[in-house]
Amino acid sequence: MNHDFTGKVALVTGASGGIGLAAAQKFAESGASVVLSARRTDLIEAEARRLTDAGYTAIAIPADVTNAAQVEALVTGTVARFGRLDFAVNNAGILASGSATHELPQEDWDQQIAVNLTAVFVSMKHELAQMVKQGSGAIVNLSSVSGHRAYAGLAGYSASKHGVIGLTKSAGVEYAAQGIRINALAPGFVDTPMTAPFAGDAAGRAFMDDAAPMKRTAQPAEVAETIAWLCSDASSFITAETIAVDGGMTA
């Protein structure tokens, strides 16, 4: 699907690879100025250079999404460079441990809640402040199929991703009358660095492919297409929703 995002500005966290990088690529190809953010400065700077070398407008601003001051500086830096913020994709996330709940280390729980949920709130807090000034904007938060259903050994991850859906619903309703739409995505298995350990052998790859009724694993670009659609006028009457991009896993 082609979108015309000329004159728009998009910010993507977790943009060093996987879904985040694919989303940044899609925004750039659609004409938006793109800010790539992640902790790995070298990776996002290399990707920003690749996009600019291809004729697109892109910059890298490193940030640790668990650091509120860095998140504020990220949004401030975006607006200072481009004058506005139209689209924000809060994609940074982690998957830690596969422990039974009674054996789940406290630090694993804390880290997953901090990165996957609290960081989304903090990012939205600063993104929304700018969008309220403008009277417009679209935010896409990354949840997961684990935000819809339970998987043994994923208590921390599942709780954080359920939280993203609740946060998205609440904020989506709260800002709907101010010209700001807020939605979430719930991907199934996608070929990304996060899922690479699952796909390290034939059994793992088969597990991922067989999890969805479509019998395959998604590519990051497929998720990016849905992100772009949710930011476009084609989805102008959709807010506070969570869209499953999972090949039928949660049907």
Protein backbone atom coordinates (compact mmCIF):
# COMPACT_ATOMS: atom_id res chain seq x y z
CA MET A 1 0.00 0.00 0.00
CA ASN A 2 1.35 3.42 -0.94
CA HIS A 3 0.96 6.42 1.36
CA ASP A 4 1.95 10.03 0.85
CA PHE A 5 3.60 11.18 4.07
CA THR A 6 5.35 14.15 2.47
CA GLY A 7 5.91 16.85 5.08
CA LYS A 8 5.24 14.45 7.96
CA VAL A 9 7.68 13.47 10.70
CA ALA A 10 7.90 9.95 12.15
CA LEU A 11 9.73 8.77 15.26
CA VAL A 12 10.47 5.05 15.70
CA THR A 13 11.99 3.48 18.81
CA GLY A 14 13.75 0.14 18.65
CA ALA A 15 14.73 1.10 15.10
CA SER A 16 18.07 -0.70 14.94
CA GLY A 17 16.49 -3.81 13.41
CA GLY A 18 13.40 -5.93 12.97
CA ILE A 19 9.97 -4.29 12.99
CA GLY A 20 11.30 -0.89 14.03
CA LEU A 21 13.77 -0.66 11.17
CA ALA A 22 11.17 -1.89 8.69
CA ALA A 23 8.75 0.78 9.93
CA ALA A 24 11.39 3.50 9.56
CA GLN A 25 12.09 2.28 6.02
CA LYS A 26 8.37 2.35 5.15
CA PHE A 27 7.89 5.87 6.50
CA ALA A 28 10.93 7.10 4.58
CA GLU A 29 9.78 5.49 1.34
CA SER A 30 6.41 7.18 1.85
CA GLY A 31 8.01 10.62 2.04
CA ALA A 32 8.22 11.23 5.79
CA SER A 33 11.23 12.57 7.62
CA VAL A 34 12.24 9.77 9.98
CA VAL A 35 13.98 9.68 13.34
CA LEU A 36 15.49 6.30 14.18
CA SER A 37 16.11 5.66 17.85
CA ALA A 38 17.62 2.80 19.85
CA ARG A 39 20.41 2.25 22.35
CA ARG A 40 22.91 1.09 19.71
CA THR A 41 24.17 4.37 18.27
CA ASP A 42 26.33 2.67 15.67
CA LEU A 43 23.45 0.65 14.24
CA ILE A 44 20.91 3.45 13.95
CA GLU A 45 23.48 5.87 12.55
CA ALA A 46 24.39 3.31 9.89
CA GLU A 47 20.73 2.78 8.99
CA ALA A 48 20.05 6.53 8.90
CA ARG A 49 23.00 6.96 6.54
CA ARG A 50 21.70 4.16 4.35
CA LEU A 51 18.34 5.92 4.07
CA THR A 52 19.85 9.34 3.37
CA ASP A 53 22.17 7.81 0.77
CA ALA A 54 19.05 6.47 -0.92
CA GLY A 55 17.61 9.97 -1.08
CA TYR A 56 15.36 9.89 1.98
CA THR A 57 15.37 12.18 5.03
CA ALA A 58 16.46 10.37 8.19
CA ILE A 59 18.45 11.04 11.35
CA ALA A 60 19.51 8.92 14.32
CA ILE A 61 18.94 9.96 17.92
CA PRO A 62 20.11 7.33 20.43
CA ALA A 63 18.05 6.81 23.57
CA ASP A 64 17.47 4.23 26.27
CA VAL A 65 13.68 4.13 26.59
CA THR A 66 13.96 3.21 30.28
CA ASN A 67 15.63 6.56 30.94
CA ALA A 68 12.93 9.26 31.14
CA ALA A 69 15.38 12.10 30.56
CA GLN A 70 16.68 10.46 27.39
CA VAL A 71 13.14 9.87 26.12
CA GLU A 72 12.27 13.52 26.71
CA ALA A 73 15.45 14.56 24.90
CA LEU A 74 14.55 12.23 22.02
CA VAL A 75 11.19 13.89 21.45
CA THR A 76 12.60 17.37 22.02
CA GLY A 77 15.42 16.63 19.57
CA THR A 78 12.96 15.39 16.97
CA VAL A 79 10.88 18.56 17.18
CA ALA A 80 13.98 20.77 17.24
CA ARG A 81 15.20 19.17 14.03
CA PHE A 82 11.94 18.89 12.10
CA GLY A 83 9.52 21.26 13.83
CA ARG A 84 6.77 18.74 14.57
CA LEU A 85 5.92 15.12 15.34
CA ASP A 86 3.19 13.43 13.32
CA PHE A 87 3.77 9.72 13.89
CA ALA A 88 5.33 7.81 16.77
CA VAL A 89 5.97 4.07 16.86
CA ASN A 90 6.81 2.80 20.34
CA ASN A 91 8.43 -0.44 19.32
CA ALA A 92 11.39 -1.03 21.66
CA GLY A 93 10.92 -4.24 23.62
CA ILE A 94 12.58 -7.27 25.17
CA LEU A 95 11.75 -10.88 25.94
CA ALA A 96 13.45 -12.26 29.06
CA SER A 97 13.47 -15.74 30.59
CA GLY A 98 11.13 -18.65 30.19
CA SER A 99 10.69 -19.28 33.88
CA ALA A 100 7.69 -20.55 35.78
CA THR A 101 6.12 -17.66 37.66
CA HIS A 102 7.32 -18.82 41.08
CA GLU A 103 10.88 -19.06 39.71
CA LEU A 104 10.83 -15.80 37.71
CA PRO A 105 13.69 -13.58 38.90
CA GLN A 106 12.51 -10.23 40.19
CA GLU A 107 15.03 -8.46 37.95
CA ASP A 108 13.59 -10.16 34.84
CA TRP A 109 10.08 -9.06 35.80
CA ASP A 110 11.23 -5.50 36.52
CA GLN A 111 13.18 -5.23 33.28
CA GLN A 112 10.32 -6.44 31.08
CA ILE A 113 7.81 -4.12 32.73
CA ALA A 114 10.27 -1.23 32.47
CA VAL A 115 11.10 -1.71 28.77
CA ASN A 116 7.84 -3.09 27.39
CA LEU A 117 5.29 -1.08 29.38
CA THR A 118 6.64 1.80 31.45
CA ALA A 119 8.79 3.01 28.55
CA VAL A 120 5.72 3.09 26.31
CA PHE A 121 3.96 5.29 28.87
CA VAL A 122 6.95 7.63 29.21
CA SER A 123 7.37 7.84 25.42
CA MET A 124 3.68 8.59 24.95
CA LYS A 125 3.79 11.21 27.68
CA HIS A 126 6.29 13.30 25.72
CA GLU A 127 4.97 12.44 22.25
CA LEU A 128 1.46 13.43 23.27
CA ALA A 129 2.59 16.73 24.74
CA GLN A 130 3.81 17.75 21.28
CA MET A 131 0.81 16.29 19.45
CA VAL A 132 -1.61 18.13 21.72
CA LYS A 133 0.10 21.40 20.76
CA GLN A 134 -0.33 20.52 17.09
CA GLY A 135 -3.86 19.18 17.44
CA SER A 136 -2.92 16.09 15.44
CA GLY A 137 -0.88 12.92 15.47
CA ALA A 138 -0.92 9.14 15.40
CA ILE A 139 0.79 6.73 17.77
CA VAL A 140 1.28 2.99 17.30
CA ASN A 141 2.35 0.92 20.31
CA LEU A 142 3.75 -2.59 19.91
CA SER A 143 2.02 -5.23 21.97
CA SER A 144 2.05 -8.93 21.03
CA VAL A 145 -0.11 -12.00 20.71
CA SER A 146 1.05 -12.45 24.32
CA GLY A 147 -1.06 -9.39 25.10
CA HIS A 148 -4.15 -11.37 24.06
CA ARG A 149 -3.45 -14.89 25.29
CA ALA A 150 -1.36 -16.76 27.82
CA TYR A 151 1.83 -18.73 27.27
CA ALA A 152 3.48 -20.75 30.01
CA GLY A 153 6.77 -19.30 31.19
CA LEU A 154 6.08 -15.77 29.92
CA ALA A 155 4.42 -14.12 32.91
CA GLY A 156 6.49 -10.95 32.80
CA TYR A 157 6.34 -10.56 29.04
CA SER A 158 2.63 -11.32 28.88
CA ALA A 159 1.80 -8.92 31.71
CA SER A 160 3.75 -6.13 30.04
CA LYS A 161 2.10 -6.69 26.66
CA HIS A 162 -1.39 -6.89 28.18
CA GLY A 163 -0.54 -3.60 29.85
CA VAL A 164 0.31 -1.99 26.52
CA ILE A 165 -3.16 -2.85 25.23
CA GLY A 166 -4.83 -1.36 28.30
CA LEU A 167 -2.69 1.77 28.10
CA THR A 168 -3.47 2.15 24.40
CA LYS A 169 -7.22 1.83 24.98
CA SER A 170 -7.22 4.38 27.78
CA ALA A 171 -5.06 6.94 25.98
CA GLY A 172 -6.88 6.37 22.69
CA VAL A 173 -10.18 7.30 24.26
CA GLU A 174 -8.65 10.20 26.20
CA TYR A 175 -7.15 11.96 23.17
CA ALA A 176 -9.68 10.98 20.48
CA ALA A 177 -11.37 14.39 20.47
CA GLN A 178 -8.03 16.18 20.12
CA GLY A 179 -7.16 14.88 16.68
CA ILE A 180 -4.79 12.21 17.98
CA ARG A 181 -5.25 8.52 17.24
CA ILE A 182 -3.54 5.86 19.36
CA ASN A 183 -3.57 2.18 18.40
CA ALA A 184 -1.57 -0.96 19.10
CA LEU A 185 -0.36 -3.93 17.11
CA ALA A 186 -0.20 -7.48 18.37
CA PRO A 187 2.20 -9.39 16.12
CA GLY A 188 2.69 -13.12 16.21
CA PHE A 189 6.04 -14.64 15.32
CA VAL A 190 8.07 -12.31 13.10
CA ASP A 191 11.58 -12.86 11.75
CA THR A 192 13.45 -10.40 13.97
CA PRO A 193 16.53 -10.43 16.21
CA MET A 194 14.20 -11.13 19.17
CA THR A 195 12.87 -14.34 17.64
CA ALA A 196 16.20 -15.43 16.14
CA PRO A 197 16.93 -17.80 19.06
CA PHE A 198 13.69 -19.67 18.33
CA ALA A 199 14.62 -20.07 14.67
CA GLY A 200 18.16 -21.28 15.34
CA ASP A 201 17.40 -24.85 14.31
CA ALA A 202 14.87 -26.77 12.26
CA ALA A 203 12.68 -27.59 15.27
CA GLY A 204 12.53 -23.96 16.34
CA ARG A 205 11.72 -22.76 12.86
CA ALA A 206 8.97 -25.37 12.55
CA PHE A 207 7.55 -24.26 15.92
CA MET A 208 7.35 -20.65 14.73
CA ASP A 209 5.90 -21.50 11.33
CA ASP A 210 3.32 -23.91 12.73
CA ALA A 211 2.09 -21.50 15.42
CA ALA A 212 -0.07 -19.59 12.94
CA PRO A 213 -2.83 -21.09 10.80
CA MET A 214 -1.10 -19.49 7.80
CA LYS A 215 1.81 -21.85 8.56
CA ARG A 216 4.59 -19.32 8.21
CA THR A 217 6.42 -16.60 10.10
CA ALA A 218 5.81 -12.96 9.24
CA GLN A 219 8.43 -10.63 7.81
CA PRO A 220 9.05 -7.25 9.48
CA ALA A 221 7.91 -5.42 6.35
CA GLU A 222 4.45 -6.97 6.70
CA VAL A 223 4.07 -5.51 10.18
CA ALA A 224 5.47 -2.19 8.97
CA GLU A 225 2.75 -2.00 6.34
CA THR A 226 0.10 -2.19 9.05
CA ILE A 227 1.91 0.43 11.13
CA ALA A 228 1.95 2.83 8.18
CA TRP A 229 -1.72 2.15 7.49
CA LEU A 230 -2.64 2.93 11.09
CA CYS A 231 -0.80 6.27 10.79
CA SER A 232 -2.43 7.13 7.48
CA ASP A 233 -5.76 8.75 6.68
CA ALA A 234 -6.91 5.35 5.42
CA SER A 235 -7.54 4.43 9.08
CA SER A 236 -8.92 7.84 10.08
CA PHE A 237 -11.81 6.44 12.19
CA ILE A 238 -9.76 3.87 14.08
CA THR A 239 -8.42 4.58 17.55
CA ALA A 240 -7.95 2.76 20.88
CA GLU A 241 -7.79 -0.52 18.95
CA THR A 242 -5.32 -3.40 18.88
CA ILE A 243 -4.79 -5.00 15.48
CA ALA A 244 -3.52 -8.58 15.41
CA VAL A 245 -0.85 -9.23 12.77
CA ASP A 246 -0.46 -12.91 13.60
CA GLY A 247 -1.54 -15.10 10.69
CA GLY A 248 -4.62 -16.18 12.64
CA MET A 249 -2.95 -17.23 15.92
CA THR A 250 -5.49 -15.45 18.13
CA ALA A 251 -8.58 -16.16 16.01
